[in-house]
N, C-alpha and C. Protein backbone atom coordinates (compact mmCIF):
# COMPACT_ATOMS: atom_id res chain seq x y z
N MET A 1 -116.48 62.04 -76.99
CA MET A 1 -117.65 61.42 -76.73
C MET A 1 -118.24 62.65 -76.19
N ASP A 2 -119.61 62.59 -76.23
CA ASP A 2 -120.71 63.77 -75.66
C ASP A 2 -121.38 63.34 -74.15
N LYS A 3 -121.10 64.14 -73.57
CA LYS A 3 -121.48 64.05 -72.23
C LYS A 3 -122.68 64.42 -72.05
N TYR A 4 -123.65 64.93 -73.02
CA TYR A 4 -124.93 65.06 -73.00
C TYR A 4 -125.69 64.18 -74.12
N ILE A 5 -126.61 63.40 -73.23
CA ILE A 5 -127.32 62.51 -73.92
C ILE A 5 -128.96 63.23 -73.94
N HIS A 6 -129.20 63.51 -75.30
CA HIS A 6 -130.40 64.06 -75.70
C HIS A 6 -131.73 63.03 -75.57
N LYS A 7 -132.40 63.33 -74.64
CA LYS A 7 -133.53 62.46 -74.15
C LYS A 7 -134.87 62.93 -74.90
N LYS A 8 -135.49 62.09 -75.74
CA LYS A 8 -136.75 62.70 -76.30
C LYS A 8 -137.99 62.76 -75.38
N GLY A 9 -138.83 63.68 -75.52
CA GLY A 9 -139.90 63.95 -74.29
C GLY A 9 -140.09 65.49 -74.23
N PHE A 10 -140.66 65.79 -73.40
CA PHE A 10 -141.15 67.17 -73.08
C PHE A 10 -140.82 67.68 -71.82
N THR A 11 -140.42 68.99 -71.66
CA THR A 11 -140.20 69.43 -70.31
C THR A 11 -140.87 70.08 -69.89
N LEU A 12 -141.07 70.39 -68.54
CA LEU A 12 -142.16 70.65 -67.74
C LEU A 12 -142.41 72.09 -68.14
N ILE A 13 -141.73 73.02 -68.80
CA ILE A 13 -141.82 74.28 -69.51
C ILE A 13 -142.88 74.33 -70.46
N GLU A 14 -142.60 73.27 -71.39
CA GLU A 14 -143.28 72.89 -72.60
C GLU A 14 -144.73 72.72 -72.25
N ILE A 15 -144.91 71.98 -71.39
CA ILE A 15 -146.14 71.08 -71.08
C ILE A 15 -146.83 72.54 -70.35
N MET A 16 -146.31 73.23 -69.40
CA MET A 16 -146.70 74.54 -68.95
C MET A 16 -147.56 75.42 -70.09
N ILE A 17 -146.66 75.73 -70.95
CA ILE A 17 -146.93 76.73 -72.13
C ILE A 17 -148.20 76.06 -72.81
N PHE A 18 -148.03 74.62 -73.08
CA PHE A 18 -149.13 74.07 -73.94
C PHE A 18 -150.62 74.18 -73.15
N MET A 19 -150.47 73.96 -71.91
CA MET A 19 -151.75 74.19 -71.00
C MET A 19 -152.09 75.44 -70.98
N SER A 20 -151.40 76.59 -70.76
CA SER A 20 -151.89 77.76 -70.70
C SER A 20 -152.50 78.16 -72.13
N LEU A 21 -152.15 77.76 -73.13
CA LEU A 21 -152.63 77.95 -74.56
C LEU A 21 -154.00 77.37 -74.76
N CYS A 22 -153.91 76.27 -74.26
CA CYS A 22 -155.32 75.40 -74.00
C CYS A 22 -156.48 76.31 -73.40
N ILE A 23 -155.91 76.57 -72.43
CA ILE A 23 -156.80 77.50 -71.39
C ILE A 23 -157.37 78.78 -71.91
N ILE A 24 -156.61 79.27 -72.50
CA ILE A 24 -156.83 80.56 -73.36
C ILE A 24 -157.80 80.38 -74.39
N VAL A 25 -157.60 79.34 -75.04
CA VAL A 25 -158.52 79.08 -76.27
C VAL A 25 -159.92 78.61 -75.80
N PHE A 26 -159.80 77.95 -74.74
CA PHE A 26 -161.13 77.34 -74.07
C PHE A 26 -162.15 78.62 -73.42
N THR A 27 -161.22 79.55 -72.91
CA THR A 27 -161.81 80.69 -72.27
C THR A 27 -162.49 81.64 -73.30
N VAL A 28 -161.64 81.92 -74.44
CA VAL A 28 -162.18 82.70 -75.41
C VAL A 28 -163.52 82.31 -76.15
N SER A 29 -163.36 80.67 -76.35
CA SER A 29 -164.47 79.94 -76.98
C SER A 29 -165.48 80.17 -76.12
N PHE A 30 -165.52 79.86 -75.13
CA PHE A 30 -166.71 79.98 -73.83
C PHE A 30 -167.25 81.16 -73.87
N THR A 31 -166.73 82.42 -73.88
CA THR A 31 -167.19 83.63 -74.05
C THR A 31 -167.83 84.10 -75.20
N LYS A 32 -167.14 83.74 -76.44
CA LYS A 32 -167.86 83.76 -77.53
C LYS A 32 -169.65 82.75 -77.67
N ILE A 33 -169.22 81.82 -77.30
CA ILE A 33 -170.69 80.98 -77.22
C ILE A 33 -171.77 81.54 -76.13
N SER A 34 -171.33 81.73 -75.39
CA SER A 34 -172.34 82.46 -74.20
C SER A 34 -172.90 83.74 -74.63
N GLY A 35 -171.93 84.68 -75.36
CA GLY A 35 -172.49 85.82 -76.06
C GLY A 35 -173.46 85.50 -77.19
N TYR A 36 -173.09 84.59 -77.82
CA TYR A 36 -173.93 84.12 -79.01
C TYR A 36 -175.54 83.73 -78.47
N ASN A 37 -175.39 82.88 -77.52
CA ASN A 37 -176.76 82.35 -76.98
C ASN A 37 -177.51 83.40 -76.35
N LYS A 38 -176.87 84.45 -75.87
CA LYS A 38 -177.71 85.74 -75.26
C LYS A 38 -178.31 86.45 -76.65
N ILE A 39 -177.48 86.64 -77.60
CA ILE A 39 -178.03 87.57 -78.78
C ILE A 39 -179.08 86.62 -79.49
N LYS A 40 -179.14 84.97 -79.47
CA LYS A 40 -179.79 84.47 -80.15
C LYS A 40 -181.20 84.44 -79.11
N ASN A 41 -181.05 84.29 -77.79
CA ASN A 41 -182.18 84.46 -77.10
C ASN A 41 -182.80 86.03 -76.92
N ASN A 42 -182.23 86.98 -77.19
CA ASN A 42 -182.69 88.37 -77.43
C ASN A 42 -183.61 88.35 -78.80
N ILE A 43 -182.99 87.75 -79.75
CA ILE A 43 -183.71 87.88 -80.82
C ILE A 43 -185.01 87.06 -81.24
N ALA A 44 -185.06 86.00 -80.18
CA ALA A 44 -186.19 85.16 -80.20
C ALA A 44 -187.32 85.71 -79.30
N VAL A 45 -186.82 86.43 -78.47
CA VAL A 45 -187.67 87.38 -77.56
C VAL A 45 -188.26 88.59 -78.46
N ASP A 46 -187.60 89.07 -79.30
CA ASP A 46 -188.30 90.19 -79.99
C ASP A 46 -189.02 89.96 -80.94
N GLU A 47 -188.59 88.62 -81.45
CA GLU A 47 -189.60 88.02 -82.65
C GLU A 47 -190.82 87.72 -82.16
N THR A 48 -191.01 86.88 -81.09
CA THR A 48 -191.82 86.49 -80.39
C THR A 48 -192.82 87.64 -80.24
N GLY A 49 -192.59 88.72 -79.49
CA GLY A 49 -193.27 89.61 -79.13
C GLY A 49 -193.87 90.46 -79.90
N VAL A 50 -192.96 90.67 -81.44
CA VAL A 50 -193.78 91.39 -82.42
C VAL A 50 -194.84 90.36 -83.37
N SER A 51 -194.22 89.31 -83.30
CA SER A 51 -195.27 88.14 -83.71
C SER A 51 -196.84 88.08 -83.10
N LEU A 52 -196.50 88.16 -81.62
CA LEU A 52 -197.87 88.29 -80.85
C LEU A 52 -198.60 89.33 -81.44
N VAL A 53 -197.93 90.55 -81.31
CA VAL A 53 -198.70 91.82 -81.53
C VAL A 53 -199.50 91.64 -83.02
N ASN A 54 -198.70 91.05 -83.86
CA ASN A 54 -199.05 90.97 -85.13
C ASN A 54 -200.30 90.09 -85.26
N PHE A 55 -200.47 88.85 -84.64
CA PHE A 55 -200.99 87.93 -84.53
C PHE A 55 -202.35 88.50 -83.85
N ILE A 56 -202.33 89.27 -82.63
CA ILE A 56 -203.47 89.83 -82.12
C ILE A 56 -204.21 90.88 -83.11
N ASN A 57 -203.42 91.66 -83.80
CA ASN A 57 -203.96 92.80 -84.61
C ASN A 57 -204.56 92.13 -85.98
N ASN A 58 -203.99 91.18 -86.55
CA ASN A 58 -204.35 90.67 -87.78
C ASN A 58 -205.59 89.71 -87.29
N SER A 59 -205.81 89.27 -86.16
CA SER A 59 -207.23 88.65 -85.55
C SER A 59 -208.37 89.77 -85.47
N ARG A 60 -207.99 90.88 -85.25
CA ARG A 60 -208.99 91.97 -84.84
C ARG A 60 -209.34 92.24 -86.34
N GLU A 61 -208.34 92.54 -87.34
CA GLU A 61 -208.71 93.09 -88.74
C GLU A 61 -209.42 91.99 -89.28
N ARG A 62 -209.23 90.83 -89.34
CA ARG A 62 -210.14 89.78 -89.97
C ARG A 62 -211.50 89.80 -89.08
N CYS A 63 -211.79 90.05 -88.07
CA CYS A 63 -213.08 90.16 -87.56
C CYS A 63 -213.79 91.12 -88.15
N ARG A 64 -213.05 92.40 -88.10
CA ARG A 64 -213.66 93.72 -89.06
C ARG A 64 -214.14 93.35 -90.36
N GLU A 65 -213.17 92.44 -91.18
CA GLU A 65 -213.39 92.23 -92.45
C GLU A 65 -214.66 91.33 -92.64
N GLU A 66 -214.53 90.43 -91.79
CA GLU A 66 -215.91 89.52 -92.08
C GLU A 66 -216.84 89.67 -91.08
N LYS A 67 -216.97 90.77 -90.12
CA LYS A 67 -218.13 91.25 -89.60
C LYS A 67 -218.60 90.18 -88.97
N LYS A 68 -217.79 89.40 -87.92
CA LYS A 68 -217.96 88.40 -87.05
C LYS A 68 -217.42 88.62 -86.00
N GLN A 69 -217.97 88.06 -84.75
CA GLN A 69 -217.27 88.00 -83.52
C GLN A 69 -216.36 86.86 -83.65
N GLY A 70 -215.23 86.90 -83.15
CA GLY A 70 -213.98 85.74 -82.90
C GLY A 70 -213.55 85.96 -81.53
N TYR A 71 -212.46 85.03 -81.29
CA TYR A 71 -211.78 85.15 -80.02
C TYR A 71 -210.60 84.52 -80.00
N ILE A 72 -209.47 84.91 -79.45
CA ILE A 72 -208.30 84.37 -79.47
C ILE A 72 -208.31 83.31 -78.12
N TYR A 73 -207.94 82.45 -78.19
CA TYR A 73 -207.84 81.39 -77.07
C TYR A 73 -206.25 80.73 -76.62
N PHE A 74 -206.05 80.75 -75.73
CA PHE A 74 -204.62 80.46 -75.17
C PHE A 74 -204.82 78.97 -74.63
N ASN A 75 -203.40 78.23 -74.99
CA ASN A 75 -203.28 76.66 -74.39
C ASN A 75 -201.94 76.83 -74.01
N ILE A 76 -201.70 76.81 -72.76
CA ILE A 76 -200.40 76.77 -71.83
C ILE A 76 -199.73 75.52 -72.18
N LYS A 77 -200.69 74.43 -72.17
CA LYS A 77 -200.19 73.22 -71.83
C LYS A 77 -199.31 72.91 -73.44
N GLU A 78 -199.94 73.19 -74.45
CA GLU A 78 -199.35 73.08 -75.80
C GLU A 78 -198.55 74.37 -76.26
N ASN A 79 -198.55 75.25 -75.40
CA ASN A 79 -197.56 76.33 -75.77
C ASN A 79 -198.04 77.05 -76.98
N LYS A 80 -199.05 77.16 -77.41
CA LYS A 80 -199.94 77.85 -78.41
C LYS A 80 -201.11 78.69 -77.83
N MET A 81 -201.24 79.77 -79.29
CA MET A 81 -202.51 80.20 -79.16
C MET A 81 -203.39 80.13 -80.59
N GLY A 82 -204.49 80.21 -80.61
CA GLY A 82 -205.33 80.27 -81.76
C GLY A 82 -206.33 81.32 -81.88
N PHE A 83 -206.81 81.64 -83.22
CA PHE A 83 -207.81 82.69 -83.54
C PHE A 83 -208.84 81.60 -83.98
N ASN A 84 -210.09 81.85 -83.63
CA ASN A 84 -211.60 81.34 -84.01
C ASN A 84 -212.23 82.23 -84.34
N ILE A 85 -213.42 82.03 -85.48
CA ILE A 85 -214.26 82.85 -85.65
C ILE A 85 -215.48 81.78 -85.91
N ALA A 86 -216.60 81.72 -84.83
CA ALA A 86 -217.71 80.88 -85.02
C ALA A 86 -217.12 79.51 -84.64
N TYR A 87 -216.49 79.32 -83.87
CA TYR A 87 -215.81 78.02 -83.49
C TYR A 87 -215.17 77.31 -84.75
N ILE A 88 -214.54 78.03 -85.56
CA ILE A 88 -213.50 77.45 -86.74
C ILE A 88 -212.38 77.90 -86.41
N CYS A 89 -211.62 77.11 -86.34
CA CYS A 89 -210.24 77.72 -86.35
C CYS A 89 -209.55 78.47 -87.47
N LYS A 90 -209.40 79.59 -87.37
CA LYS A 90 -208.86 80.45 -88.57
C LYS A 90 -207.05 80.35 -88.52
N GLU A 91 -206.48 80.23 -87.54
CA GLU A 91 -205.03 80.57 -87.67
C GLU A 91 -204.54 80.06 -85.93
N ASP A 92 -203.25 79.46 -86.37
CA ASP A 92 -202.84 79.13 -84.85
C ASP A 92 -201.28 79.81 -84.68
N PHE A 93 -200.86 80.00 -83.52
CA PHE A 93 -199.47 80.67 -83.47
C PHE A 93 -198.98 79.93 -82.18
N TYR A 94 -197.93 79.08 -82.74
CA TYR A 94 -197.11 78.23 -81.70
C TYR A 94 -195.72 79.05 -81.40
N PHE A 95 -195.54 79.31 -79.99
CA PHE A 95 -194.39 79.92 -79.61
C PHE A 95 -192.94 79.15 -79.86
N PRO A 96 -192.05 79.65 -80.11
CA PRO A 96 -190.71 79.08 -80.65
C PRO A 96 -190.16 78.21 -79.63
N GLN A 97 -189.17 77.56 -79.83
CA GLN A 97 -188.57 76.48 -78.81
C GLN A 97 -187.66 77.41 -77.81
N GLY A 98 -187.85 77.47 -76.61
CA GLY A 98 -187.35 77.98 -75.66
C GLY A 98 -188.07 78.97 -75.23
N ILE A 99 -189.21 79.31 -75.92
CA ILE A 99 -190.12 80.31 -75.26
C ILE A 99 -191.31 79.75 -74.76
N VAL A 100 -191.68 80.09 -73.41
CA VAL A 100 -192.61 79.46 -72.93
C VAL A 100 -193.94 80.29 -72.57
N LEU A 101 -195.07 79.97 -72.91
CA LEU A 101 -196.16 81.09 -72.46
C LEU A 101 -196.68 80.38 -71.17
N GLU A 102 -196.55 81.56 -70.05
CA GLU A 102 -196.31 81.60 -68.66
C GLU A 102 -197.94 81.69 -68.25
N SER A 103 -198.64 82.98 -68.66
CA SER A 103 -200.01 83.05 -68.11
C SER A 103 -200.90 84.22 -68.81
N VAL A 104 -202.14 84.17 -68.78
CA VAL A 104 -202.76 85.11 -69.42
C VAL A 104 -203.94 85.48 -68.53
N ASN A 105 -204.12 86.77 -68.08
CA ASN A 105 -205.04 87.29 -67.14
C ASN A 105 -206.39 87.72 -67.83
N SER A 106 -207.08 86.91 -68.55
CA SER A 106 -208.02 87.39 -69.28
C SER A 106 -209.08 86.39 -68.81
N PRO A 107 -210.47 87.08 -68.70
CA PRO A 107 -211.70 86.15 -68.28
C PRO A 107 -211.74 84.97 -69.43
N GLY A 108 -211.82 83.62 -68.76
CA GLY A 108 -212.06 82.64 -69.58
C GLY A 108 -211.07 81.96 -70.27
N GLY A 109 -209.78 82.58 -69.94
CA GLY A 109 -208.44 82.46 -70.79
C GLY A 109 -208.63 82.50 -72.24
N LYS A 110 -209.36 83.45 -72.69
CA LYS A 110 -209.43 84.02 -74.01
C LYS A 110 -209.72 85.41 -74.07
N ILE A 111 -209.34 86.01 -75.30
CA ILE A 111 -209.63 87.37 -75.65
C ILE A 111 -210.93 87.53 -76.69
N VAL A 112 -211.98 88.07 -76.36
CA VAL A 112 -213.20 88.09 -77.05
C VAL A 112 -212.84 89.41 -78.32
N ILE A 113 -213.24 89.40 -79.43
CA ILE A 113 -213.16 90.39 -80.48
C ILE A 113 -214.36 90.57 -81.04
N ASP A 114 -215.04 91.72 -80.77
CA ASP A 114 -216.32 91.72 -81.62
C ASP A 114 -216.33 92.20 -82.94
N ASN A 115 -217.39 92.30 -83.94
CA ASN A 115 -217.29 92.60 -85.18
C ASN A 115 -216.69 93.76 -85.73
N ARG A 116 -216.39 94.83 -84.76
CA ARG A 116 -215.70 95.81 -84.95
C ARG A 116 -214.23 95.85 -85.01
N GLY A 117 -213.67 94.76 -84.29
CA GLY A 117 -212.27 94.46 -84.10
C GLY A 117 -212.00 95.25 -82.75
N PHE A 118 -212.84 95.23 -81.77
CA PHE A 118 -212.56 96.01 -80.33
C PHE A 118 -212.64 94.60 -79.59
N THR A 119 -211.70 94.88 -78.55
CA THR A 119 -212.11 93.81 -77.22
C THR A 119 -212.37 94.69 -76.04
N SER A 120 -213.23 94.09 -75.11
CA SER A 120 -214.07 94.44 -73.95
C SER A 120 -213.05 94.35 -72.95
N ASP A 121 -212.26 93.50 -72.87
CA ASP A 121 -211.48 93.39 -71.69
C ASP A 121 -210.04 93.63 -71.85
N ALA A 122 -209.14 93.94 -70.78
CA ALA A 122 -207.88 94.14 -70.83
C ALA A 122 -206.96 92.94 -70.49
N CYS A 123 -206.13 92.71 -71.16
CA CYS A 123 -205.42 91.45 -71.14
C CYS A 123 -203.83 91.83 -70.75
N THR A 124 -203.20 90.94 -70.13
CA THR A 124 -201.78 90.83 -70.25
C THR A 124 -201.25 89.32 -70.56
N LEU A 125 -200.46 89.17 -71.35
CA LEU A 125 -199.93 87.85 -71.57
C LEU A 125 -198.32 87.69 -71.47
N LYS A 126 -198.15 86.88 -70.65
CA LYS A 126 -196.81 86.73 -70.02
C LYS A 126 -196.17 85.21 -70.85
N PHE A 127 -194.79 85.65 -71.14
CA PHE A 127 -194.14 84.32 -71.34
C PHE A 127 -192.71 84.57 -70.98
N LYS A 128 -191.98 83.51 -70.74
CA LYS A 128 -190.72 83.26 -70.55
C LYS A 128 -189.44 82.88 -71.58
N ASP A 129 -188.55 83.72 -71.64
CA ASP A 129 -187.51 83.24 -72.57
C ASP A 129 -186.37 82.15 -71.85
N ASN A 130 -185.44 81.74 -72.61
CA ASN A 130 -184.55 80.86 -72.45
C ASN A 130 -183.80 81.01 -70.89
N GLY A 131 -183.73 82.21 -70.58
CA GLY A 131 -183.13 82.91 -69.41
C GLY A 131 -184.02 82.83 -68.25
N GLY A 132 -185.34 82.49 -68.45
CA GLY A 132 -186.15 82.56 -67.40
C GLY A 132 -186.85 84.08 -67.11
N LYS A 133 -186.41 84.69 -67.69
CA LYS A 133 -187.04 86.13 -67.75
C LYS A 133 -188.37 86.53 -68.22
N THR A 134 -189.25 87.19 -67.75
CA THR A 134 -190.72 87.20 -68.13
C THR A 134 -190.87 88.38 -68.88
N HIS A 135 -191.53 88.44 -70.09
CA HIS A 135 -191.93 89.70 -70.84
C HIS A 135 -193.52 89.60 -71.22
N LYS A 136 -194.10 90.76 -71.42
CA LYS A 136 -195.11 91.05 -71.55
C LYS A 136 -195.70 91.60 -72.79
N VAL A 137 -196.96 91.08 -73.05
CA VAL A 137 -197.84 91.76 -74.13
C VAL A 137 -199.08 92.60 -73.52
N THR A 138 -199.29 93.51 -73.42
CA THR A 138 -200.78 94.04 -72.76
C THR A 138 -201.78 94.48 -73.86
N ILE A 139 -202.98 94.67 -73.81
CA ILE A 139 -204.13 95.28 -74.37
C ILE A 139 -204.78 96.11 -73.71
N CYS A 140 -204.82 97.24 -74.01
CA CYS A 140 -205.30 98.39 -73.36
C CYS A 140 -206.96 98.28 -73.54
N VAL A 141 -207.87 98.57 -72.76
CA VAL A 141 -209.20 98.60 -72.50
C VAL A 141 -209.75 99.93 -73.71
N GLY A 142 -210.80 99.78 -74.42
CA GLY A 142 -211.26 101.01 -75.14
C GLY A 142 -210.41 101.41 -76.18
N THR A 143 -209.04 101.44 -76.01
CA THR A 143 -208.27 101.76 -77.50
C THR A 143 -208.15 100.56 -78.01
N ALA A 144 -207.86 99.46 -77.30
CA ALA A 144 -207.45 97.79 -77.81
C ALA A 144 -206.19 98.16 -78.59
N HIS A 145 -205.57 98.98 -77.91
CA HIS A 145 -203.78 99.23 -78.34
C HIS A 145 -203.22 97.82 -77.75
N VAL A 146 -202.39 97.32 -78.66
CA VAL A 146 -201.66 96.26 -78.28
C VAL A 146 -200.24 96.51 -78.17
N GLU A 147 -199.56 96.23 -77.03
CA GLU A 147 -197.91 96.76 -76.91
C GLU A 147 -197.18 95.70 -76.26
N PHE A 148 -196.01 95.58 -77.01
CA PHE A 148 -194.90 94.36 -76.49
C PHE A 148 -194.01 95.38 -75.45
N LYS A 149 -194.21 94.66 -74.18
CA LYS A 149 -192.88 95.31 -73.16
C LYS A 149 -191.97 94.09 -73.00
N GLY A 150 -190.85 94.47 -73.65
CA GLY A 150 -189.67 93.49 -73.67
C GLY A 150 -188.97 93.63 -72.31
């Protein structure tokens, strides 16, 4: 006769090992996801900065080609900016999801571009990313150089 009877079930050590493995898998997964979100945010910021510079430069080029004055206006409530010539909307730029237009320090809330493609005012455009960090796009007076400062 057997003195030992085998009971079905788990021992405390088996449960502890299982819980440890679950915690390790969860920790590794969490760090991978947070790293992915940071990379995704950085890509969105870089893409937005370059797109803003291109939008402003393309608007200047269009004014030169059509030999007409135009302006870029900013709509913070709708999170977009647009380019108009003679009160006709030529192009709109919508900020990507998670990127928020914060402020524009230009007179009248718009950038006026003359028929030669120059702006008479300096301007700084600020936008926030998913992490709340502020990024800037600046336009210099005279040279009309547009620069993204990540």
